[in-house]
Amino acid sequence: WNRGLVNGGAQDTMAGTKDIQRLCESWWRELANVARDEYRQFAQQFLGLHGWHEPSLVKTRGISRKTAALSFLVRESGPAPFAAHFVPRGVIDPPRTLIDDGLDFCPATRALATDSQALGVQYAFITDLFRFYLYDVQTEELLLYANTPADYVTEFGELLSEGAVASGSLEEVRRQPRSFAARKLREWMQRWCDRLIMTWGVREETIWLFLDRLIVLRYV
């Protein structure tokens, strides 16, 4: 996906992404003093800066009432229908910690991805306005992530803008080949095998048998 605009407008793109970065950073500066209604305004302004001015607010279960997300059906029909979920601070883990552990989901993003499947969309965007995740919820793939608002500008750019999505930007996000997924799974199993040997003090063969059965239960 080319994050720049095809027909020029580089200055407008830069201005728009900088506005998004400033919005997210201002939310985190004011976090202690804002109410949930104000958070909704921040979320809607964030979507508006991407060209989405009439998203539909929907209810999702998430993982608890205390950490409930503000969820929007941003694009309900046509190519690449997607939902956007805005969660309170501390609900989602920093992407870097998940990636370091060989994971695609934390409990909150897993729950919201499941909620998105129930909404019938293909993509879920999940953020606390500081950390950002984009999932294909039908294939359960983490497609893109950012650890800070500045990273969001760099990694996502105009990807989620109304015009870009209508032009197929989400379908053009690079997917990892199956060989990459297989290698990632092996690395995850080895990492957890090492950890569990240290924690449980049992033989490596026993741990590998346990992990093999766990993978079978998950994917079969």
Protein backbone atom coordinates (compact mmCIF):
# COMPACT_ATOMS: atom_id res chain seq x y z
CA TRP A 1 0.00 0.00 0.00
CA ASN A 2 1.35 3.41 -1.04
CA ARG A 3 0.64 5.75 1.87
CA GLY A 4 0.91 8.88 -0.26
CA LEU A 5 -1.92 10.25 -2.35
CA VAL A 6 -1.82 9.10 -5.95
CA ASN A 7 -2.80 12.42 -7.50
CA GLY A 8 -0.62 14.76 -5.51
CA GLY A 9 -1.84 16.52 -2.36
CA ALA A 10 1.26 15.65 -0.35
CA GLN A 11 0.97 18.82 1.71
CA ASP A 12 -2.68 18.10 2.56
CA THR A 13 -1.72 14.55 3.55
CA MET A 14 1.06 15.80 5.81
CA ALA A 15 -1.24 18.36 7.43
CA GLY A 16 -3.94 15.74 8.00
CA THR A 17 -1.63 13.19 9.60
CA LYS A 18 -0.06 15.83 11.81
CA ASP A 19 -3.53 16.87 12.98
CA ILE A 20 -4.20 13.23 13.88
CA GLN A 21 -0.95 13.02 15.83
CA ARG A 22 -1.71 16.24 17.71
CA LEU A 23 -5.23 15.04 18.54
CA CYS A 24 -3.95 11.77 20.02
CA GLU A 25 -1.21 13.47 22.01
CA SER A 26 -3.63 16.09 23.36
CA TRP A 27 -6.01 13.31 24.48
CA TRP A 28 -3.25 11.71 26.52
CA ARG A 29 -2.25 15.04 28.06
CA GLU A 30 -5.84 15.73 29.13
CA LEU A 31 -6.70 12.14 29.99
CA ALA A 32 -7.15 12.62 33.72
CA ASN A 33 -9.61 15.49 33.23
CA VAL A 34 -11.96 14.20 30.54
CA ALA A 35 -15.24 12.33 30.84
CA ARG A 36 -16.46 9.47 28.67
CA ASP A 37 -18.59 11.84 26.57
CA GLU A 38 -15.48 13.85 25.81
CA TYR A 39 -13.67 10.66 24.87
CA ARG A 40 -16.46 10.01 22.39
CA GLN A 41 -15.81 13.45 20.90
CA PHE A 42 -12.10 12.65 20.56
CA ALA A 43 -12.94 9.34 18.89
CA GLN A 44 -15.35 10.96 16.45
CA GLN A 45 -12.86 13.71 15.70
CA PHE A 46 -10.19 11.08 15.02
CA LEU A 47 -12.52 9.36 12.54
CA GLY A 48 -13.52 12.71 11.05
CA LEU A 49 -9.89 13.53 10.32
CA HIS A 50 -9.88 10.36 8.22
CA GLY A 51 -12.97 11.48 6.32
CA TRP A 52 -15.48 9.36 8.27
CA HIS A 53 -18.10 11.84 9.47
CA GLU A 54 -21.12 9.63 10.14
CA PRO A 55 -19.95 6.39 11.76
CA SER A 56 -22.60 4.34 13.54
CA LEU A 57 -22.08 3.85 17.28
CA VAL A 58 -22.64 0.20 18.21
CA LYS A 59 -22.53 -1.83 21.40
CA THR A 60 -19.82 -4.42 21.94
CA ARG A 61 -19.13 -6.70 24.88
CA GLY A 62 -15.35 -6.28 25.10
CA ILE A 63 -13.90 -7.88 28.21
CA SER A 64 -15.80 -6.02 30.96
CA ARG A 65 -18.16 -3.12 31.53
CA LYS A 66 -15.41 -1.15 33.23
CA THR A 67 -13.18 -1.35 30.16
CA ALA A 68 -15.95 -1.12 27.56
CA ALA A 69 -14.96 0.28 24.20
CA LEU A 70 -16.58 3.01 22.18
CA SER A 71 -17.24 1.02 19.03
CA PHE A 72 -18.23 2.35 15.63
CA LEU A 73 -19.30 0.69 12.41
CA VAL A 74 -17.25 2.87 10.13
CA ARG A 75 -17.89 1.13 6.81
CA GLU A 76 -20.84 -1.24 6.82
CA SER A 77 -21.06 -2.26 3.17
CA GLY A 78 -19.00 -2.39 0.02
CA PRO A 79 -15.37 -3.50 -0.07
CA ALA A 80 -13.49 -3.78 3.23
CA PRO A 81 -16.21 -3.19 5.86
CA PHE A 82 -14.55 -2.32 9.15
CA ALA A 83 -15.21 -1.34 12.74
CA ALA A 84 -13.22 1.01 14.94
CA HIS A 85 -12.93 0.47 18.68
CA PHE A 86 -11.67 3.14 21.09
CA VAL A 87 -10.72 1.81 24.52
CA PRO A 88 -9.67 3.47 27.80
CA ARG A 89 -6.04 3.79 28.75
CA GLY A 90 -4.49 0.62 30.13
CA VAL A 91 -6.92 -1.77 28.42
CA ILE A 92 -4.72 -2.83 25.50
CA ASP A 93 -1.10 -3.87 25.72
CA PRO A 94 1.64 -2.02 23.83
CA PRO A 95 2.16 -3.76 20.49
CA ARG A 96 5.88 -4.12 21.10
CA THR A 97 5.26 -6.36 24.11
CA LEU A 98 2.96 -8.64 22.10
CA ILE A 99 5.39 -8.85 19.21
CA ASP A 100 8.26 -9.65 21.59
CA ASP A 101 6.18 -12.53 22.97
CA GLY A 102 5.27 -13.77 19.49
CA LEU A 103 1.59 -12.88 19.93
CA ASP A 104 -0.96 -11.11 17.73
CA PHE A 105 -3.61 -10.47 20.39
CA CYS A 106 -3.91 -9.36 24.00
CA PRO A 107 -7.14 -10.23 25.88
CA ALA A 108 -8.82 -6.94 24.96
CA THR A 109 -7.97 -6.99 21.25
CA ARG A 110 -8.99 -10.65 21.06
CA ALA A 111 -12.39 -9.83 22.60
CA LEU A 112 -12.95 -6.87 20.28
CA ALA A 113 -11.87 -8.87 17.24
CA THR A 114 -14.50 -11.46 18.20
CA ASP A 115 -17.08 -8.69 18.60
CA SER A 116 -16.12 -7.40 15.16
CA GLN A 117 -16.70 -10.82 13.64
CA ALA A 118 -20.20 -10.74 15.14
CA LEU A 119 -20.77 -7.35 13.49
CA GLY A 120 -20.02 -8.95 10.13
CA VAL A 121 -17.03 -6.79 9.23
CA GLN A 122 -13.70 -7.93 7.88
CA TYR A 123 -11.39 -5.46 9.59
CA ALA A 124 -11.09 -4.11 13.11
CA PHE A 125 -9.14 -1.03 14.12
CA ILE A 126 -8.46 -0.90 17.87
CA THR A 127 -6.84 1.99 19.72
CA ASP A 128 -6.56 3.88 22.99
CA LEU A 129 -5.39 6.88 20.93
CA PHE A 130 -1.80 6.07 21.79
CA ARG A 131 -1.43 2.46 20.65
CA PHE A 132 -2.97 1.21 17.43
CA TYR A 133 -3.87 -2.19 15.97
CA LEU A 134 -5.41 -3.21 12.65
CA TYR A 135 -6.72 -6.77 12.30
CA ASP A 136 -8.30 -8.86 9.60
CA VAL A 137 -10.81 -10.50 11.93
CA GLN A 138 -11.91 -13.10 9.40
CA THR A 139 -8.40 -14.56 9.06
CA GLU A 140 -7.40 -13.45 12.61
CA GLU A 141 -4.28 -11.69 11.34
CA LEU A 142 -2.57 -8.67 12.85
CA LEU A 143 -1.95 -6.56 9.75
CA LEU A 144 -0.47 -3.36 11.12
CA TYR A 145 0.32 -1.75 14.45
CA ALA A 146 1.86 1.36 15.97
CA ASN A 147 3.25 1.98 19.44
CA THR A 148 2.81 5.79 19.51
CA PRO A 149 0.89 8.50 17.63
CA ALA A 150 4.10 9.39 15.77
CA ASP A 151 4.46 5.73 14.74
CA TYR A 152 0.83 5.78 13.61
CA VAL A 153 1.54 8.63 11.20
CA THR A 154 4.51 6.70 9.82
CA GLU A 155 3.00 3.21 9.65
CA PHE A 156 -0.63 3.94 8.77
CA GLY A 157 -0.43 7.27 6.97
CA GLU A 158 -3.61 7.67 4.89
CA LEU A 159 -4.43 3.95 4.97
CA LEU A 160 -7.71 4.37 6.89
CA SER A 161 -8.91 7.52 5.16
CA GLU A 162 -12.34 7.28 3.55
CA GLY A 163 -10.99 7.74 0.05
CA ALA A 164 -8.16 5.24 0.51
CA VAL A 165 -10.44 2.53 1.93
CA ALA A 166 -12.90 3.04 -0.93
CA SER A 167 -9.99 2.60 -3.34
CA GLY A 168 -8.97 -0.71 -1.77
CA SER A 169 -6.21 0.27 0.64
CA LEU A 170 -7.07 -2.40 3.22
CA GLU A 171 -7.06 -5.20 0.65
CA GLU A 172 -3.62 -4.02 -0.47
CA VAL A 173 -1.98 -4.27 2.95
CA ARG A 174 0.86 -6.74 2.61
CA ARG A 175 0.08 -10.14 4.12
CA GLN A 176 2.75 -12.46 5.42
CA PRO A 177 3.15 -15.77 3.53
CA ARG A 178 2.14 -19.04 5.19
CA SER A 179 5.80 -19.95 5.62
CA PHE A 180 6.24 -16.86 7.81
CA ALA A 181 3.24 -17.84 9.94
CA ALA A 182 4.63 -21.37 10.34
CA ARG A 183 8.04 -20.04 11.39
CA LYS A 184 6.40 -17.59 13.80
CA LEU A 185 4.42 -20.44 15.37
CA ARG A 186 7.57 -22.55 15.81
CA GLU A 187 9.38 -19.61 17.43
CA TRP A 188 6.41 -19.02 19.74
CA MET A 189 6.37 -22.69 20.77
CA GLN A 190 10.12 -22.69 21.43
CA ARG A 191 9.89 -19.51 23.48
CA TRP A 192 7.12 -20.90 25.65
CA CYS A 193 8.80 -24.28 25.90
CA ASP A 194 11.87 -22.59 27.39
CA ARG A 195 9.76 -20.55 29.80
CA LEU A 196 7.68 -23.49 30.99
CA ILE A 197 10.72 -25.70 31.52
CA MET A 198 12.13 -23.03 33.84
CA THR A 199 8.78 -22.52 35.60
CA TRP A 200 7.55 -26.11 35.90
CA GLY A 201 10.85 -27.94 36.01
CA VAL A 202 9.63 -30.74 33.74
CA ARG A 203 11.20 -32.44 30.73
CA GLU A 204 11.31 -30.72 27.37
CA GLU A 205 9.48 -33.62 25.71
CA THR A 206 6.55 -33.17 28.10
CA ILE A 207 6.29 -29.47 27.34
CA TRP A 208 6.39 -30.04 23.57
CA LEU A 209 3.63 -32.64 23.87
CA PHE A 210 1.52 -30.18 25.85
CA LEU A 211 2.09 -27.41 23.29
CA ASP A 212 1.34 -29.73 20.37
CA ARG A 213 -2.00 -30.66 21.91
CA LEU A 214 -2.74 -27.01 22.62
CA ILE A 215 -2.13 -26.11 18.98
CA VAL A 216 -4.33 -29.00 17.80
CA LEU A 217 -7.18 -27.81 20.06
CA ARG A 218 -6.79 -24.26 18.73
CA TYR A 219 -6.68 -24.96 15.00
CA VAL A 220 -8.48 -28.27 14.41
